[in-house]
Protein backbone atom coordinates (compact mmCIF):
# COMPACT_ATOMS: atom_id res chain seq x y z
CA UNK A 1 -20.58 6.45 -2.29
CA UNK A 2 -17.85 4.36 -2.79
CA UNK A 3 -17.20 2.03 -6.09
CA UNK A 4 -15.99 -1.53 -6.05
CA UNK A 5 -13.06 -2.15 -7.80
CA UNK A 6 -12.14 -5.93 -6.76
CA UNK A 7 -13.58 -8.02 -10.24
CA UNK A 8 -13.13 -11.22 -10.82
CA UNK A 9 -10.28 -10.54 -14.13
CA UNK A 10 -8.66 -7.63 -11.79
CA UNK A 11 -8.34 -10.40 -8.93
CA UNK A 12 -6.65 -13.17 -11.77
CA UNK A 13 -4.53 -10.31 -12.84
CA UNK A 14 -3.34 -9.41 -9.73
CA UNK A 15 -2.90 -13.44 -8.66
CA UNK A 16 -0.25 -13.76 -11.99
CA UNK A 17 1.13 -11.11 -11.36
CA UNK A 18 2.06 -12.32 -7.65
CA UNK A 19 2.74 -15.33 -9.00
CA UNK A 20 4.99 -14.32 -12.33
CA UNK A 21 6.71 -11.45 -9.61
CA UNK A 22 7.59 -14.88 -7.08
CA UNK A 23 9.09 -16.73 -10.24
CA UNK A 24 10.77 -14.21 -11.83
CA UNK A 25 12.90 -13.11 -8.80
CA UNK A 26 13.60 -16.96 -7.93
CA UNK A 27 14.69 -16.97 -11.44
CA UNK A 28 16.35 -13.24 -11.98
CA UNK A 29 18.73 -14.75 -8.50
CA UNK A 30 20.02 -17.76 -10.59
CA UNK A 31 20.26 -15.96 -13.75
CA UNK A 32 22.61 -13.05 -11.38
CA UNK A 33 24.46 -15.93 -9.37
CA UNK A 34 25.61 -17.96 -12.91
CA UNK A 35 26.45 -14.93 -14.96
CA UNK A 36 28.46 -14.04 -11.64
CA UNK A 37 30.03 -17.34 -11.94
CA UNK A 38 30.99 -17.50 -15.26
CA UNK A 39 32.56 -13.90 -15.27
CA UNK A 40 34.74 -15.29 -12.08
CA UNK A 41 35.67 -18.70 -14.46
CA UNK A 42 36.25 -15.80 -17.06
CA UNK A 43 38.40 -13.35 -15.12
CA UNK A 44 40.19 -16.00 -13.71
CA UNK A 45 41.18 -17.37 -17.40
CA UNK A 46 41.99 -13.99 -18.19
CA UNK A 47 44.48 -13.83 -15.15
CA UNK A 48 45.77 -17.24 -16.32
CA UNK A 49 46.57 -15.69 -19.64
CA UNK A 50 48.22 -12.59 -18.54
CA UNK A 51 50.35 -14.71 -15.96
CA UNK A 52 51.16 -17.22 -18.95
CA UNK A 53 52.70 -14.28 -20.86
CA UNK A 54 54.52 -12.95 -18.18
CA UNK A 55 55.97 -16.15 -17.16
CA UNK A 56 58.16 -16.68 -20.28
CA UNK A 57 59.05 -12.71 -19.90
CA UNK A 58 60.07 -12.93 -16.25
CA UNK A 59 61.60 -16.40 -16.47
CA UNK A 60 64.43 -14.77 -19.38
CA UNK A 61 64.57 -11.96 -16.67
CA UNK A 62 65.60 -14.11 -14.26
CA UNK A 63 68.10 -16.13 -16.11
CA UNK A 64 70.08 -12.87 -17.12
CA UNK A 65 69.68 -11.63 -13.66
CA UNK A 66 71.25 -15.05 -12.29
CA UNK A 67 74.11 -14.65 -14.39
CA UNK A 68 74.84 -11.59 -12.89
CA UNK A 69 74.74 -12.72 -9.30
CA UNK A 70 77.06 -16.00 -10.55
CA UNK A 71 79.43 -12.73 -11.65
CA UNK A 72 79.02 -11.39 -8.49
CA UNK A 73 79.25 -14.07 -6.41
CA UNK A 74 82.69 -15.27 -7.80
CA UNK A 75 84.24 -11.75 -7.82
CA UNK A 76 82.70 -10.63 -4.32
CA UNK A 77 85.76 -9.05 -2.81
CA UNK A 78 86.42 -6.96 -6.00
CA UNK A 79 82.86 -5.74 -6.45
CA UNK A 80 80.07 -5.35 -3.94
CA UNK A 81 77.63 -3.58 -6.20
CA UNK A 82 73.91 -5.95 -6.27
CA UNK A 83 73.12 -6.17 -10.31
CA UNK A 84 70.27 -3.56 -11.23
CA UNK A 85 68.31 -3.36 -14.37
CA UNK A 86 65.88 -0.93 -15.29
CA UNK A 87 63.42 -3.59 -16.94
CA UNK A 88 62.80 -5.25 -13.13
CA UNK A 89 63.30 -4.78 -10.18
CA UNK A 90 64.54 -8.10 -8.04
CA UNK A 91 65.27 -9.58 -4.57
CA UNK A 92 67.34 -12.92 -2.95
CA UNK A 93 66.54 -14.76 0.03
CA UNK A 94 68.32 -17.71 1.51
CA UNK A 95 66.82 -21.26 2.26
CA UNK A 96 65.27 -20.26 5.43
CA UNK A 97 63.50 -17.64 3.37
CA UNK A 98 65.38 -14.92 5.30
CA UNK A 99 65.81 -11.58 3.28
CA UNK A 100 69.64 -11.27 2.26
CA UNK A 101 69.18 -8.25 -0.26
CA UNK A 102 65.85 -6.27 -2.19
CA UNK A 103 64.90 -3.72 -4.12
CA UNK A 104 61.09 -4.83 -4.39
CA UNK A 105 58.74 -1.73 -3.64
CA UNK A 106 56.36 -3.78 -2.79
CA UNK A 107 57.98 -6.44 0.03
CA UNK A 108 54.80 -9.12 0.43
CA UNK A 109 56.60 -12.30 -1.51
CA UNK A 110 55.17 -15.67 -1.34
CA UNK A 111 58.20 -17.89 -2.16
CA UNK A 112 55.54 -20.69 -2.41
CA UNK A 113 54.32 -19.48 -5.53
CA UNK A 114 56.07 -18.98 -8.70
CA UNK A 115 54.06 -16.09 -10.40
CA UNK A 116 51.69 -13.91 -8.31
CA UNK A 117 50.22 -10.27 -8.32
CA UNK A 118 50.14 -8.08 -5.16
CA UNK A 119 48.50 -4.99 -5.18
CA UNK A 120 49.45 -3.44 -8.65
CA UNK A 121 53.03 -5.60 -8.73
CA UNK A 122 53.97 -9.17 -9.98
CA UNK A 123 56.41 -11.33 -8.59
CA UNK A 124 58.22 -14.24 -10.24
CA UNK A 125 59.93 -16.41 -7.95
CA UNK A 126 63.24 -18.53 -9.39
CA UNK A 127 64.59 -20.92 -7.18
CA UNK A 128 68.26 -21.38 -7.85
CA UNK A 129 70.34 -24.54 -7.88
CA UNK A 130 73.43 -23.29 -7.00
CA UNK A 131 73.43 -20.96 -3.53
CA UNK A 132 75.27 -17.76 -5.25
CA UNK A 133 75.56 -15.47 -2.64
CA UNK A 134 73.77 -17.88 -0.16
CA UNK A 135 70.38 -17.37 -1.99
CA UNK A 136 68.01 -19.80 -2.66
CA UNK A 137 65.36 -18.24 -4.42
CA UNK A 138 64.93 -14.70 -6.62
CA UNK A 139 62.42 -13.12 -6.92
CA UNK A 140 61.62 -10.54 -9.89
CA UNK A 141 59.24 -7.72 -9.77
CA UNK A 142 57.83 -5.74 -12.43
CA UNK A 143 54.83 -3.34 -12.41
CA UNK A 144 51.34 -4.70 -13.46
CA UNK A 145 50.05 -4.02 -16.85
CA UNK A 146 46.06 -2.86 -15.77
CA UNK A 147 44.91 -3.42 -19.35
CA UNK A 148 43.43 -6.57 -19.08
CA UNK A 149 41.72 -6.21 -16.44
CA UNK A 150 40.25 -3.17 -17.81
CA UNK A 151 39.88 -5.17 -20.53
CA UNK A 152 38.23 -8.23 -18.92
CA UNK A 153 35.58 -5.89 -16.93
CA UNK A 154 34.17 -4.63 -19.87
CA UNK A 155 33.75 -7.63 -21.78
CA UNK A 156 31.97 -9.11 -18.68
CA UNK A 157 29.60 -5.94 -18.22
CA UNK A 158 28.94 -5.89 -22.09
CA UNK A 159 28.42 -9.67 -22.47
CA UNK A 160 27.06 -10.35 -19.03
CA UNK A 161 24.27 -7.25 -19.36
CA UNK A 162 23.33 -8.56 -22.53
CA UNK A 163 23.12 -12.37 -21.47
CA UNK A 164 21.08 -10.99 -18.57
CA UNK A 165 18.53 -8.88 -20.75
CA UNK A 166 18.42 -12.08 -23.05
CA UNK A 167 18.00 -14.79 -20.21
CA UNK A 168 15.76 -12.54 -18.45
CA UNK A 169 13.14 -12.45 -21.78
CA UNK A 170 13.59 -15.98 -21.68
CA UNK A 171 12.31 -16.28 -18.12
CA UNK A 172 9.23 -14.23 -18.45
CA UNK A 173 8.26 -15.91 -21.50
CA UNK A 174 8.20 -19.56 -19.56
CA UNK A 175 7.00 -17.92 -16.42
CA UNK A 176 4.00 -17.02 -18.71
CA UNK A 177 3.95 -20.64 -20.43
CA UNK A 178 3.63 -22.55 -16.94
CA UNK A 179 1.37 -20.15 -15.77
CA UNK A 180 -1.19 -20.31 -18.74
CA UNK A 181 -2.21 -23.70 -17.96
CA UNK A 182 -3.32 -21.77 -13.91
CA UNK A 183 -5.04 -18.93 -15.80
CA UNK A 184 -6.96 -20.81 -18.08
CA UNK A 185 -7.90 -23.09 -14.60
CA UNK A 186 -9.08 -20.06 -12.90
CA UNK A 187 -11.02 -18.63 -15.86
CA UNK A 188 -13.14 -22.20 -16.02
CA UNK A 189 -13.75 -21.80 -12.40
CA UNK A 190 -14.54 -18.64 -12.20
CA UNK A 191 -17.07 -19.04 -15.34
CA UNK A 192 -18.45 -22.53 -13.74
CA UNK A 193 -19.43 -20.42 -10.85
CA UNK A 194 -20.53 -17.97 -12.34
CA UNK A 195 -22.64 -20.37 -14.40
CA UNK A 196 -23.74 -22.41 -11.26
CA UNK A 197 -24.74 -19.40 -9.26
CA UNK A 198 -27.59 -18.72 -11.96
CA UNK A 199 -28.65 -22.08 -11.82
CA UNK A 200 -28.85 -22.24 -7.56
CA UNK A 201 -31.39 -19.21 -7.64
CA UNK A 202 -34.44 -20.47 -8.83
CA UNK A 203 -34.50 -23.69 -6.63
CA UNK A 204 -32.89 -22.45 -3.78
CA UNK A 205 -35.22 -19.92 -3.29
CA UNK A 206 -38.06 -22.08 -4.00
CA UNK A 207 -36.63 -24.45 -1.32
CA UNK A 208 -36.45 -21.54 1.15
CA UNK A 209 -40.22 -19.98 0.62
CA UNK A 210 -41.39 -23.89 1.11
CA UNK A 211 -39.33 -24.27 4.46
CA UNK A 212 -40.91 -21.05 5.99
CA UNK A 213 -44.76 -21.54 4.69
CA UNK A 214 -45.18 -25.30 6.06
CA UNK A 215 -47.09 -26.10 9.36
CA UNK A 216 -45.07 -27.80 11.88
CA UNK A 217 -47.82 -28.01 14.24
CA UNK A 218 -49.87 -30.49 12.18
CA UNK A 219 -46.27 -32.65 11.41
CA UNK A 220 -44.99 -35.43 13.95
CA UNK A 221 -41.67 -35.17 15.78
CA UNK A 222 -39.72 -37.36 13.02
CA UNK A 223 -41.00 -34.99 10.40
CA UNK A 224 -40.06 -31.79 12.12
CA UNK A 225 -36.98 -32.78 12.66
CA UNK A 226 -36.68 -33.81 8.50
CA UNK A 227 -37.99 -30.58 7.93
CA UNK A 228 -35.30 -28.80 10.28
CA UNK A 229 -32.29 -30.69 8.70
CA UNK A 230 -33.92 -29.44 5.04
CA UNK A 231 -34.09 -26.08 6.67
CA UNK A 232 -29.82 -26.17 7.94
CA UNK A 233 -28.88 -27.53 4.67
CA UNK A 234 -31.09 -25.02 2.64
CA UNK A 235 -29.19 -21.96 4.55
CA UNK A 236 -25.97 -23.35 4.35
CA UNK A 237 -26.41 -23.38 0.38
CA UNK A 238 -27.97 -19.76 0.35
CA UNK A 239 -24.66 -18.54 2.39
CA UNK A 240 -22.76 -19.95 -0.42
CA UNK A 241 -25.08 -18.78 -2.77
CA UNK A 242 -24.83 -15.16 -1.61
CA UNK A 243 -20.84 -15.41 -1.82
CA UNK A 244 -20.98 -16.78 -5.48
CA UNK A 245 -23.70 -13.70 -6.14
CA UNK A 246 -21.30 -11.22 -4.54
CA UNK A 247 -18.34 -12.63 -6.69
CA UNK A 248 -20.21 -13.31 -10.35
CA UNK A 249 -22.70 -10.09 -9.99
CA UNK A 250 -22.17 -7.23 -7.28
CA UNK A 251 -18.78 -7.18 -6.84
CA UNK A 252 -19.10 -4.37 -9.78
CA UNK A 253 -22.49 -2.56 -8.40
CA UNK A 254 -21.72 0.85 -6.90
CA UNK A 255 -21.97 0.72 -2.67
CA UNK A 256 -24.71 1.89 -1.45
CA UNK A 257 -23.55 3.32 1.71
CA UNK A 258 -25.92 4.32 4.80
CA UNK A 259 -25.76 4.44 8.62
CA UNK A 260 -25.82 0.59 9.97
CA UNK A 261 -26.88 0.14 13.26
CA UNK A 262 -24.46 -2.96 13.48
CA UNK A 263 -25.81 -4.44 16.53
CA UNK A 264 -29.10 -4.79 15.24
CA UNK A 265 -27.37 -6.49 11.93
CA UNK A 266 -25.73 -8.77 14.01
CA UNK A 267 -28.54 -10.06 16.49
CA UNK A 268 -30.74 -10.38 13.17
CA UNK A 269 -27.79 -12.51 11.53
CA UNK A 270 -27.74 -14.84 14.81
CA UNK A 271 -31.52 -15.60 14.61
CA UNK A 272 -30.68 -16.54 11.08
CA UNK A 273 -28.12 -18.87 11.81
CA UNK A 274 -29.70 -20.29 15.06
CA UNK A 275 -30.52 -23.38 13.51
CA UNK A 276 -27.47 -24.30 11.96
CA UNK A 277 -26.13 -23.66 15.49
CA UNK A 278 -28.60 -25.84 17.50
CA UNK A 279 -27.76 -28.64 15.18
CA UNK A 280 -24.49 -28.89 16.26
CA UNK A 281 -25.43 -28.03 19.97
CA UNK A 282 -22.82 -24.84 19.60
CA UNK A 283 -24.23 -22.02 21.64
CA UNK A 284 -23.86 -18.45 20.47
CA UNK A 285 -23.40 -15.63 23.07
CA UNK A 286 -22.81 -12.31 22.28
CA UNK A 287 -21.99 -9.11 24.35
CA UNK A 288 -23.23 -6.02 21.71
CA UNK A 289 -23.08 -2.55 22.10
CA UNK A 290 -25.57 -0.26 19.48
CA UNK A 291 -22.55 0.94 17.21
CA UNK A 292 -23.29 3.33 14.01
CA UNK A 293 -21.06 2.15 10.85
CA UNK A 294 -21.49 3.55 7.20
CA UNK A 295 -21.65 0.81 4.83
CA UNK A 296 -23.49 -1.09 2.02
CA UNK A 297 -26.19 -3.00 4.31
CA UNK A 298 -25.22 -5.87 1.53
CA UNK A 299 -22.19 -5.95 1.82
CA UNK A 300 -22.07 -5.50 5.80
CA UNK A 301 -24.59 -8.54 5.48
CA UNK A 302 -21.87 -10.74 3.84
CA UNK A 303 -19.16 -9.99 6.32
CA UNK A 304 -21.57 -10.88 9.47
CA UNK A 305 -22.57 -13.87 7.51
CA UNK A 306 -18.91 -15.49 6.40
CA UNK A 307 -17.57 -14.58 10.22
CA UNK A 308 -20.51 -16.24 11.81
CA UNK A 309 -21.06 -19.28 9.78
CA UNK A 310 -17.18 -19.87 9.24
CA UNK A 311 -17.20 -19.90 13.64
CA UNK A 312 -20.25 -22.55 13.32
CA UNK A 313 -19.05 -24.62 10.38
CA UNK A 314 -15.93 -25.22 11.58
CA UNK A 315 -16.48 -25.62 15.64
CA UNK A 316 -16.74 -28.08 17.82
CA UNK A 317 -19.62 -29.98 18.48
CA UNK A 318 -21.12 -28.33 21.33
CA UNK A 319 -18.59 -25.60 21.31
CA UNK A 320 -19.19 -21.64 21.76
CA UNK A 321 -19.22 -18.90 19.57
CA UNK A 322 -18.72 -15.72 21.01
CA UNK A 323 -19.56 -11.90 19.29
CA UNK A 324 -18.18 -8.59 20.73
CA UNK A 325 -18.88 -5.20 20.02
CA UNK A 326 -17.77 -2.04 21.05
CA UNK A 327 -17.37 1.26 18.88
CA UNK A 328 -14.62 0.71 16.91
CA UNK A 329 -13.60 -3.40 17.15
CA UNK A 330 -15.90 -6.40 16.18
CA UNK A 331 -14.45 -9.72 17.24
CA UNK A 332 -15.92 -12.87 16.59
CA UNK A 333 -14.24 -16.31 18.41
CA UNK A 334 -14.79 -19.75 18.14
CA UNK A 335 -13.84 -22.79 20.01
CA UNK A 336 -13.12 -24.83 16.90
CA UNK A 337 -10.61 -27.03 15.07
CA UNK A 338 -8.65 -23.53 14.50
CA UNK A 339 -5.70 -22.77 11.85
CA UNK A 340 -1.93 -23.79 11.64
CA UNK A 341 -0.06 -20.42 12.17
CA UNK A 342 1.64 -21.45 8.85
CA UNK A 343 -1.41 -21.29 6.96
CA UNK A 344 -3.30 -18.01 8.54
CA UNK A 345 -1.57 -15.44 6.02
CA UNK A 346 -3.07 -17.52 2.88
CA UNK A 347 -6.84 -17.83 4.44
CA UNK A 348 -8.26 -14.62 2.78
CA UNK A 349 -7.00 -15.61 -0.74
CA UNK A 350 -9.63 -17.04 -3.15
CA UNK A 351 -10.20 -20.79 -3.22
CA UNK A 352 -7.54 -21.18 -0.40
CA UNK A 353 -9.17 -24.27 2.06
CA UNK A 354 -7.38 -26.06 4.53
CA UNK A 355 -10.14 -28.55 5.76
CA UNK A 356 -11.34 -30.66 3.13
CA UNK A 357 -14.25 -31.84 5.42
CA UNK A 358 -16.01 -29.12 5.15
CA UNK A 359 -17.87 -27.90 1.89
CA UNK A 360 -17.41 -24.95 -0.13
CA UNK A 361 -15.54 -22.96 -2.65
CA UNK A 362 -13.37 -20.81 -0.24
CA UNK A 363 -14.49 -18.02 -1.20
CA UNK A 364 -16.07 -17.05 1.72
CA UNK A 365 -13.31 -15.05 3.73
CA UNK A 366 -11.72 -13.30 0.57
CA UNK A 367 -14.84 -11.64 0.21
CA UNK A 368 -14.78 -10.52 3.87
CA UNK A 369 -11.24 -9.07 2.78
CA UNK A 370 -12.03 -7.37 -0.14
CA UNK A 371 -15.05 -5.33 1.52
CA UNK A 372 -13.23 -4.46 4.65
CA UNK A 373 -10.43 -3.05 2.67
CA UNK A 374 -13.15 -0.88 0.89
CA UNK A 375 -13.93 0.64 4.18
CA UNK A 376 -10.15 0.99 5.63
CA UNK A 377 -11.01 -1.71 7.95
CA UNK A 378 -8.10 -3.58 9.53
CA UNK A 379 -8.35 -7.76 10.04
CA UNK A 380 -6.32 -9.62 12.48
CA UNK A 381 -6.44 -13.56 12.58
CA UNK A 382 -5.59 -15.09 15.92
CA UNK A 383 -6.04 -18.83 15.96
CA UNK A 384 -4.74 -22.42 17.76
CA UNK A 385 -4.89 -25.62 16.28
CA UNK A 386 -7.73 -27.78 18.22
CA UNK A 387 -8.21 -24.57 20.45
CA UNK A 388 -10.51 -21.77 18.54
CA UNK A 389 -9.96 -18.86 15.89
CA UNK A 390 -10.64 -15.33 16.83
CA UNK A 391 -11.03 -12.80 14.13
CA UNK A 392 -11.09 -9.15 14.97
CA UNK A 393 -12.24 -6.09 12.63
CA UNK A 394 -11.27 -3.07 14.15
CA UNK A 395 -11.82 0.47 12.45
CA UNK A 396 -11.24 4.35 14.01
CA UNK A 397 -13.50 5.72 15.70
CA UNK A 398 -15.82 8.63 14.70
């Protein structure tokens, strides 16, 4: 015996959690992008500050070295040793950007930038006014100090983490604030449905009982048609009432499982819906074999009723409903208005309706999904707009 755990409050919490999860996922992505962009700007600002601090030092080095190159240029016949300095390394390039001499450890130079970092080296480019030794460009190279990078990453990590936590908490607060009205609306709707269900019980039972007791043999033909319309309307409301009663009163009760002949149940329900089908000139055809399934009889009836009533309700006038039953499979196919492909994943959501021309609260298929999930039954929906829908239930054969 199974216990039905699908309570209204649980459904509400699940729906709220899904909405909250989707909002937070999108919000977290935005927060991550915001922090990433802010971190990039901070890193770039620290890099510019580092270059600014080194530019003055490297400019002084370059000016000192230009004097040495100038001296070598004037005394080139006597001295042919390129000047060196323990504080930096240098290179000179001519006007055509061809290397004249280089002591650089990293030869990847960019003569179009004044100062830049390549790997772990910082290069400073000085353009010479006078072509000493034929040089137009002087490159000064020093080892890059990675301390600023380490400190920048530590700052980004620390403040980024704090900002992420604070923004996530703020996002959670906003999400709950925005979802509050939705939660209140759903609770109000559930309360309304529960109250409506209680109010429907007595008048609906009275109507159905009196319709069945009426002697149609003494009625004129016009009154018979009126009675038939009353009967159809009462049965339509009865299906809705049974769904609402299941949601509000029976969803928490223990499942009274027993071996059920699905063929017998389906044939009984086809007979029940015969009047409704004939009112729209819909033909119900079936190919059924005897199949025993251990299940709660009331829940089984809810599943069958909703599948058949939907096939009739959303069918075309003069259409057909075909039921097929074999061991491990039950399908209900109609020739109705169909469902668009993008809406199919949402047809089992409670209160979800895609056709406002038909009545109902949009709870029938959500009940079907709850029940078949309880009994480990898979459901497949195939539909084409204006051609029809096929709903197939599949389960493991005993």
